[in-house]
Protein backbone atom coordinates (compact mmCIF):
# COMPACT_ATOMS: atom_id res chain seq x y z
CA MET A 1 -78.55 4.61 1.20
CA SER A 2 -76.41 2.29 -0.88
CA VAL A 3 -76.06 4.92 -3.60
CA ARG A 4 -74.90 7.50 -1.07
CA LEU A 5 -72.49 5.01 0.44
CA ARG A 6 -70.92 4.29 -2.95
CA VAL A 7 -70.58 7.99 -3.64
CA TRP A 8 -69.08 8.58 -0.21
CA VAL A 9 -66.61 5.69 -0.60
CA GLY A 10 -65.74 6.93 -4.09
CA THR A 11 -65.18 10.47 -2.79
CA THR A 12 -63.04 9.16 0.05
CA SER A 13 -60.94 7.16 -2.39
CA VAL A 14 -60.38 10.26 -4.53
CA VAL A 15 -59.45 12.33 -1.47
CA LEU A 16 -57.03 9.65 -0.27
CA ALA A 17 -55.50 9.43 -3.74
CA LEU A 18 -55.02 13.21 -3.79
CA VAL A 19 -53.45 13.15 -0.33
CA ALA A 20 -51.08 10.36 -1.47
CA LEU A 21 -50.12 12.36 -4.55
CA THR A 22 -49.57 15.49 -2.49
CA LEU A 23 -47.56 13.84 0.27
CA GLY A 24 -45.82 11.35 -1.96
CA ALA A 25 -45.93 7.63 -1.63
CA PRO A 26 -43.92 6.17 1.24
CA ARG A 27 -40.46 5.08 0.10
CA ALA A 28 -39.49 1.51 0.65
CA LEU A 29 -36.20 0.97 2.44
CA ALA A 30 -33.51 -0.58 0.28
CA ASP A 31 -32.67 -4.16 1.14
CA ASP A 32 -29.13 -5.33 1.66
CA VAL A 33 -27.75 -7.30 -1.28
CA THR A 34 -25.60 -10.44 -1.43
CA TYR A 35 -23.66 -11.46 -4.53
CA TYR A 36 -22.04 -14.88 -4.95
CA ALA A 37 -18.74 -15.27 -6.79
CA SER A 38 -16.50 -18.19 -7.67
CA PRO A 39 -13.53 -18.70 -10.01
CA GLY A 40 -14.89 -19.23 -13.49
CA GLY A 41 -18.40 -18.25 -12.41
CA THR A 42 -20.64 -17.23 -15.32
CA GLY A 43 -24.02 -16.83 -13.62
CA ASP A 44 -25.88 -13.73 -12.50
CA CYS A 45 -24.39 -13.68 -8.95
CA SER A 46 -27.80 -14.39 -7.38
CA SER A 47 -27.01 -17.64 -5.55
CA PRO A 48 -24.14 -20.03 -4.82
CA THR A 49 -25.25 -22.22 -7.73
CA ASP A 50 -25.54 -19.18 -10.04
CA SER A 51 -22.28 -17.52 -9.00
CA CYS A 52 -20.44 -15.05 -11.21
CA ALA A 53 -16.85 -13.93 -11.65
CA LEU A 54 -15.47 -11.82 -8.79
CA SER A 55 -15.03 -8.84 -11.14
CA ALA A 56 -18.75 -8.98 -12.04
CA ALA A 57 -19.76 -9.16 -8.37
CA LEU A 58 -17.55 -6.14 -7.57
CA SER A 59 -19.02 -4.18 -10.46
CA ASP A 60 -22.58 -4.93 -9.35
CA ALA A 61 -21.67 -4.20 -5.73
CA ALA A 62 -20.35 -0.75 -6.66
CA SER A 63 -23.66 0.19 -8.26
CA HIS A 64 -25.58 -0.81 -5.14
CA ALA A 65 -23.09 0.66 -2.70
CA ASN A 66 -23.43 4.05 -4.35
CA ALA A 67 -27.17 3.79 -3.75
CA GLY A 68 -26.54 3.37 -0.02
CA VAL A 69 -27.23 -0.37 0.08
CA ALA A 70 -25.02 -2.57 2.22
CA VAL A 71 -23.46 -5.24 0.02
CA THR A 72 -22.01 -8.66 0.82
CA ILE A 73 -19.94 -10.62 -1.67
CA ALA A 74 -19.83 -14.29 -0.73
CA LEU A 75 -16.80 -16.05 -2.22
CA ALA A 76 -16.22 -19.74 -2.80
CA GLY A 77 -12.98 -21.21 -4.13
CA SER A 78 -9.47 -19.97 -4.78
CA PHE A 79 -9.04 -16.74 -6.74
CA ASP A 80 -5.60 -16.09 -8.20
CA SER A 81 -4.01 -13.78 -10.69
CA SER A 82 -0.56 -12.80 -11.82
CA THR A 83 -1.72 -9.67 -13.69
CA SER A 84 -4.02 -7.79 -11.26
CA PRO A 85 -5.11 -8.25 -7.64
CA PRO A 86 -7.94 -10.79 -7.34
CA LEU A 87 -9.79 -8.38 -5.02
CA SER A 88 -9.57 -4.69 -5.89
CA VAL A 89 -12.04 -2.20 -4.39
CA THR A 90 -11.78 1.38 -5.61
CA SER A 91 -15.24 2.82 -4.93
CA GLY A 92 -15.76 6.11 -3.10
CA SER A 93 -19.21 5.45 -1.66
CA GLU A 94 -20.28 5.57 1.96
CA ALA A 95 -22.03 2.18 2.01
CA PRO A 96 -20.59 -0.84 3.81
CA LEU A 97 -19.10 -3.76 1.92
CA THR A 98 -18.44 -7.23 3.31
CA VAL A 99 -16.39 -9.84 1.43
CA GLU A 100 -16.69 -13.25 3.03
CA GLY A 101 -16.58 -16.98 2.67
CA GLY A 102 -13.81 -19.62 3.19
CA ALA A 103 -12.04 -18.54 0.01
CA SER A 104 -8.41 -17.83 -0.87
CA LEU A 105 -7.15 -14.75 -2.68
CA LEU A 106 -3.72 -15.44 -4.16
CA GLY A 107 -1.37 -12.96 -5.82
CA ASP A 108 0.74 -15.67 -7.50
CA HIS A 109 3.93 -13.91 -6.30
CA ALA A 110 3.30 -11.12 -8.82
CA VAL A 111 0.58 -8.78 -7.49
CA PRO A 112 -1.08 -8.08 -4.12
CA ALA A 113 -3.82 -10.54 -3.18
CA ALA A 114 -6.15 -7.63 -2.32
CA VAL A 115 -6.11 -3.85 -2.72
CA LEU A 116 -8.65 -1.67 -0.95
CA ASP A 117 -7.68 1.58 -2.68
CA ASP A 118 -9.14 4.80 -1.28
CA ALA A 119 -11.78 2.78 0.49
CA ASN A 120 -13.43 5.65 2.35
CA PHE A 121 -16.32 3.46 3.46
CA PRO A 122 -16.46 0.54 5.90
CA ILE A 123 -15.13 -2.71 4.48
CA GLU A 124 -15.07 -6.03 6.26
CA LEU A 125 -13.18 -9.12 5.11
CA GLU A 126 -14.39 -12.31 6.80
CA ASN A 127 -13.07 -15.88 6.76
CA LEU A 128 -10.57 -15.38 3.93
CA THR A 129 -6.96 -16.32 3.20
CA LEU A 130 -4.70 -13.76 1.52
CA ASP A 131 -1.50 -15.36 0.29
CA GLU A 132 1.35 -15.15 -2.24
CA GLY A 133 0.94 -11.42 -2.77
CA GLU A 134 3.88 -9.40 -3.98
CA THR A 135 4.68 -5.87 -4.99
CA SER A 136 8.20 -4.77 -5.82
CA GLY A 137 7.60 -1.03 -5.88
CA GLY A 138 4.55 -0.54 -3.69
CA ASN A 139 3.09 -1.22 -0.29
CA GLY A 140 1.28 -4.27 0.97
CA GLY A 141 2.27 -7.62 -0.46
CA ASP A 142 -0.89 -9.49 0.52
CA LEU A 143 -3.19 -6.59 1.46
CA SER A 144 -2.80 -2.91 0.66
CA ILE A 145 -5.16 -0.44 2.36
CA PRO A 146 -4.10 3.17 1.61
CA ALA A 147 -7.23 4.68 3.20
CA GLY A 148 -10.49 3.83 4.92
CA THR A 149 -11.95 1.83 7.77
CA VAL A 150 -11.39 -1.91 7.52
CA THR A 151 -12.21 -4.91 9.69
CA LEU A 152 -10.44 -8.24 9.23
CA ASP A 153 -12.39 -11.04 10.89
CA ASP A 154 -10.82 -14.51 10.74
CA VAL A 155 -8.50 -13.50 7.89
CA THR A 156 -5.20 -15.32 7.37
CA VAL A 157 -2.40 -13.28 5.80
CA SER A 158 0.80 -15.05 4.80
CA GLY A 159 3.50 -15.35 2.17
CA GLY A 160 3.48 -11.71 1.03
CA THR A 161 6.48 -9.71 -0.18
CA ALA A 162 6.77 -5.92 -0.39
CA PRO A 163 9.21 -3.12 0.50
CA CYS A 164 6.69 -1.89 3.10
CA GLY A 165 4.10 -4.14 4.70
CA ALA A 166 4.81 -7.60 3.30
CA GLY A 167 1.59 -8.90 4.83
CA ILE A 168 -0.53 -5.77 5.34
CA TYR A 169 0.09 -2.14 4.54
CA PHE A 170 -2.37 0.18 6.26
CA GLY A 171 -2.55 3.95 5.78
CA GLY A 172 -6.24 4.41 6.58
CA GLN A 173 -8.30 5.63 9.51
CA THR A 174 -9.12 2.44 11.45
CA LEU A 175 -8.01 -1.17 11.12
CA THR A 176 -9.75 -3.71 13.38
CA ILE A 177 -8.47 -7.28 13.52
CA VAL A 178 -10.79 -9.88 15.05
CA ASP A 179 -9.82 -13.49 15.76
C-alpha cells in the first residue's frame, strides 16, 4: 500500500506540474514603490536614511511607472536649482505618480520650480512648497503643466514670475486643488 501511495503521489505531482506548465504560473501583482529623495542624497532611494538625489528617484520612478506600478517619491528638504527645474516629469506612461513630503522646490528666480511636461498620466503633488520659479519666455513660473491630470493637495505656490501663469500654468485635462 505504501508503494502504491508513493507512486500515486508522484504521479499526481507530475500531473500538477504539467497542468502548471500548461496554464502558466499565476502572476504576482506588482507592488507599489516608494523612493526617498533629499538634496545631496547618495543612497539607493530605499528609505529616508538611504535617500538619493531627486533626479535618481525620478529616473527609477520612470522605469517602474512604465511597468504599470504606482510610484511615490517622498521628498525631504529644500531642492533648488538655477539651471533646470528641481522637479521635471516627462514620462508618457499611464501609471500614477505621487510626489510628497514637507519639502520645498525652488527655482532660484531662474527656472520653474516644477515642470510636468506632457504628463499624460495621473500625478499628485502633496504637502510641497513651490517657490521662486521664473520663466521669461515660457509658461508657469512656479509650476508648468502643459498636459495631463494633476492633483495638488496642500501645495503652496508663491513667488513665481512668467508671462503666462506666474504661479501655475495649466493646459492639461484636469487640475484638482485640495486644501
